[in-house]
């Protein structure tokens, strides 16, 4: 299995290199972004499309990581609450198991069996 994973990583990296080499000319073109609002205007310096692609990818990784961290904390809190609830339910169950059997319980059981 380890070899299959290694081969998969090598093939993926080879694919990335092939795509990068074949798209070198189109990705080397420069772009400039403009933002014109009523009260403010901004224009970026010339950037290669490679740079824009890498920045977009890294921003996606960052925001996904932040979301994942938040989700992890939420799930930890939920596990903690469910564990506490389970302990309470087990304690309640043990207290119900330890209730003494009274003579009324025995009489009602005999009445049910006698029918």
C-alpha atoms as a PDB file:
ATOM      1  CA  UNK A   1       0.000   0.000   0.000  1.00  0.00           C
ATOM      2  CA  UNK A   2       2.913   2.314   0.783  1.00  0.00           C
ATOM      3  CA  UNK A   3       4.264   1.849  -2.741  1.00  0.00           C
ATOM      4  CA  UNK A   4       0.892   2.604  -4.316  1.00  0.00           C
ATOM      5  CA  UNK A   5       0.670   5.843  -2.346  1.00  0.00           C
ATOM      6  CA  UNK A   6       4.201   6.802  -3.420  1.00  0.00           C
ATOM      7  CA  UNK A   7       3.435   6.043  -7.054  1.00  0.00           C
ATOM      8  CA  UNK A   8       0.236   8.105  -6.795  1.00  0.00           C
ATOM      9  CA  UNK A   9       2.153  11.092  -5.407  1.00  0.00           C
ATOM     10  CA  UNK A  10       4.764  10.820  -8.160  1.00  0.00           C
ATOM     11  CA  UNK A  11       2.072  10.644 -10.861  1.00  0.00           C
ATOM     12  CA  UNK A  12       0.270  13.642  -9.380  1.00  0.00           C
ATOM     13  CA  UNK A  13       3.477  15.702  -9.304  1.00  0.00           C
ATOM     14  CA  UNK A  14       4.267  14.636 -12.875  1.00  0.00           C
ATOM     15  CA  UNK A  15       0.798  15.790 -13.928  1.00  0.00           C
ATOM     16  CA  UNK A  16       1.366  19.169 -12.236  1.00  0.00           C
ATOM     17  CA  UNK A  17       4.711  19.613 -14.015  1.00  0.00           C
ATOM     18  CA  UNK A  18       3.204  18.704 -17.409  1.00  0.00           C
ATOM     19  CA  UNK A  19       0.337  21.166 -16.936  1.00  0.00           C
ATOM     20  CA  UNK A  20       2.751  23.900 -15.808  1.00  0.00           C
ATOM     21  CA  UNK A  21       5.074  23.390 -18.798  1.00  0.00           C
ATOM     22  CA  UNK A  22       2.245  23.271 -21.336  1.00  0.00           C
ATOM     23  CA  UNK A  23       0.607  26.393 -19.917  1.00  0.00           C
ATOM     24  CA  UNK A  24       3.729  28.470 -19.356  1.00  0.00           C
ATOM     25  CA  UNK A  25       2.989  31.057 -22.057  1.00  0.00           C
ATOM     26  CA  UNK A  26      -0.682  31.672 -21.166  1.00  0.00           C
ATOM     27  CA  UNK A  27       0.065  31.759 -17.441  1.00  0.00           C
ATOM     28  CA  UNK A  28       2.952  34.209 -17.942  1.00  0.00           C
ATOM     29  CA  UNK A  29       0.649  36.937 -19.187  1.00  0.00           C
ATOM     30  CA  UNK A  30       0.297  39.865 -16.854  1.00  0.00           C
ATOM     31  CA  UNK A  31      -2.987  41.055 -15.446  1.00  0.00           C
ATOM     32  CA  UNK A  32      -4.026  44.119 -13.497  1.00  0.00           C
ATOM     33  CA  UNK A  33      -7.065  44.288 -11.257  1.00  0.00           C
ATOM     34  CA  UNK A  34      -9.092  47.446 -10.714  1.00  0.00           C
ATOM     35  CA  UNK A  35     -11.622  48.291  -8.056  1.00  0.00           C
ATOM     36  CA  UNK A  36     -13.692  51.417  -8.628  1.00  0.00           C
ATOM     37  CA  UNK A  37     -16.119  52.380  -5.917  1.00  0.00           C
ATOM     38  CA  UNK A  38     -17.965  55.661  -5.577  1.00  0.00           C
ATOM     39  CA  UNK A  39     -15.633  56.890  -2.865  1.00  0.00           C
ATOM     40  CA  UNK A  40     -12.441  54.915  -3.524  1.00  0.00           C
ATOM     41  CA  UNK A  41     -10.467  53.514  -6.431  1.00  0.00           C
ATOM     42  CA  UNK A  42      -7.602  51.020  -6.383  1.00  0.00           C
ATOM     43  CA  UNK A  43      -5.494  49.312  -9.029  1.00  0.00           C
ATOM     44  CA  UNK A  44      -2.992  46.516  -8.466  1.00  0.00           C
ATOM     45  CA  UNK A  45       0.428  46.441 -10.100  1.00  0.00           C
ATOM     46  CA  UNK A  46       0.973  44.051 -13.011  1.00  0.00           C
ATOM     47  CA  UNK A  47       1.030  40.430 -11.847  1.00  0.00           C
ATOM     48  CA  UNK A  48       1.612  37.174 -13.682  1.00  0.00           C
ATOM     49  CA  UNK A  49      -1.338  34.838 -13.880  1.00  0.00           C
ATOM     50  CA  UNK A  50       0.802  32.239 -12.081  1.00  0.00           C
ATOM     51  CA  UNK A  51       0.983  34.539  -9.070  1.00  0.00           C
ATOM     52  CA  UNK A  52      -2.770  35.135  -9.101  1.00  0.00           C
ATOM     53  CA  UNK A  53      -3.400  31.377  -9.260  1.00  0.00           C
ATOM     54  CA  UNK A  54      -1.017  30.644  -6.394  1.00  0.00           C
ATOM     55  CA  UNK A  55      -2.493  33.429  -4.238  1.00  0.00           C
ATOM     56  CA  UNK A  56      -6.034  32.161  -4.880  1.00  0.00           C
ATOM     57  CA  UNK A  57      -4.977  28.611  -3.990  1.00  0.00           C
ATOM     58  CA  UNK A  58      -3.236  29.690  -0.783  1.00  0.00           C
ATOM     59  CA  UNK A  59      -6.212  31.815   0.270  1.00  0.00           C
ATOM     60  CA  UNK A  60      -8.450  28.797  -0.276  1.00  0.00           C
ATOM     61  CA  UNK A  61      -6.155  26.629   1.838  1.00  0.00           C
ATOM     62  CA  UNK A  62      -6.091  29.275   4.583  1.00  0.00           C
ATOM     63  CA  UNK A  63      -9.864  29.760   4.749  1.00  0.00           C
ATOM     64  CA  UNK A  64     -10.478  26.017   4.619  1.00  0.00           C
ATOM     65  CA  UNK A  65      -8.018  25.552   7.488  1.00  0.00           C
ATOM     66  CA  UNK A  66      -9.719  28.238   9.579  1.00  0.00           C
ATOM     67  CA  UNK A  67     -13.098  26.619   8.924  1.00  0.00           C
ATOM     68  CA  UNK A  68     -11.669  23.192   9.817  1.00  0.00           C
ATOM     69  CA  UNK A  69     -10.269  24.483  13.104  1.00  0.00           C
ATOM     70  CA  UNK A  70     -13.632  26.007  14.006  1.00  0.00           C
ATOM     71  CA  UNK A  71     -15.414  22.784  13.104  1.00  0.00           C
ATOM     72  CA  UNK A  72     -12.966  20.770  15.201  1.00  0.00           C
ATOM     73  CA  UNK A  73     -13.599  22.953  18.277  1.00  0.00           C
ATOM     74  CA  UNK A  74     -17.360  22.689  17.752  1.00  0.00           C
ATOM     75  CA  UNK A  75     -17.171  18.893  17.521  1.00  0.00           C
ATOM     76  CA  UNK A  76     -14.935  18.672  20.615  1.00  0.00           C
ATOM     77  CA  UNK A  77     -17.497  20.691  22.561  1.00  0.00           C
ATOM     78  CA  UNK A  78     -20.288  18.425  21.298  1.00  0.00           C
ATOM     79  CA  UNK A  79     -18.337  15.290  22.302  1.00  0.00           C
ATOM     80  CA  UNK A  80     -17.750  16.779  25.754  1.00  0.00           C
ATOM     81  CA  UNK A  81     -21.471  17.523  26.188  1.00  0.00           C
ATOM     82  CA  UNK A  82     -22.489  14.058  24.977  1.00  0.00           C
ATOM     83  CA  UNK A  83     -19.947  12.392  27.285  1.00  0.00           C
ATOM     84  CA  UNK A  84     -21.311  14.356  30.242  1.00  0.00           C
ATOM     85  CA  UNK A  85     -24.868  13.383  29.280  1.00  0.00           C
ATOM     86  CA  UNK A  86     -23.835   9.713  28.978  1.00  0.00           C
ATOM     87  CA  UNK A  87     -22.284   9.777  32.466  1.00  0.00           C
ATOM     88  CA  UNK A  88     -25.488  11.278  33.882  1.00  0.00           C
ATOM     89  CA  UNK A  89     -27.630   8.640  32.159  1.00  0.00           C
ATOM     90  CA  UNK A  90     -25.372   5.817  33.393  1.00  0.00           C
ATOM     91  CA  UNK A  91     -25.533   7.196  36.929  1.00  0.00           C
ATOM     92  CA  UNK A  92     -29.337   7.359  36.698  1.00  0.00           C
ATOM     93  CA  UNK A  93     -29.482   3.805  35.335  1.00  0.00           C
ATOM     94  CA  UNK A  94     -27.272   2.486  38.156  1.00  0.00           C
ATOM     95  CA  UNK A  95     -29.428   4.216  40.761  1.00  0.00           C
ATOM     96  CA  UNK A  96     -32.544   2.633  39.223  1.00  0.00           C
ATOM     97  CA  UNK A  97     -30.902  -0.797  39.194  1.00  0.00           C
ATOM     98  CA  UNK A  98     -30.100  -0.535  42.895  1.00  0.00           C
ATOM     99  CA  UNK A  99     -33.682   0.179  43.982  1.00  0.00           C
ATOM    100  CA  UNK A 100     -34.945  -2.427  46.467  1.00  0.00           C
ATOM    101  CA  UNK A 101     -37.670  -4.854  45.431  1.00  0.00           C
ATOM    102  CA  UNK A 102     -40.765  -4.403  47.615  1.00  0.00           C
ATOM    103  CA  UNK A 103     -43.465  -6.909  48.481  1.00  0.00           C
ATOM    104  CA  UNK A 104     -45.939  -4.964  46.324  1.00  0.00           C
ATOM    105  CA  UNK A 105     -43.750  -5.603  43.288  1.00  0.00           C
ATOM    106  CA  UNK A 106     -43.737  -9.333  44.033  1.00  0.00           C
ATOM    107  CA  UNK A 107     -47.559  -9.443  44.436  1.00  0.00           C
ATOM    108  CA  UNK A 108     -48.133  -7.611  41.158  1.00  0.00           C
ATOM    109  CA  UNK A 109     -45.713  -9.986  39.403  1.00  0.00           C
ATOM    110  CA  UNK A 110     -47.581 -13.037  40.788  1.00  0.00           C
ATOM    111  CA  UNK A 111     -50.876 -11.560  39.581  1.00  0.00           C
ATOM    112  CA  UNK A 112     -49.504 -11.127  36.073  1.00  0.00           C
ATOM    113  CA  UNK A 113     -48.098 -14.680  35.990  1.00  0.00           C
ATOM    114  CA  UNK A 114     -51.351 -16.142  37.339  1.00  0.00           C
ATOM    115  CA  UNK A 115     -53.418 -14.859  34.433  1.00  0.00           C
END
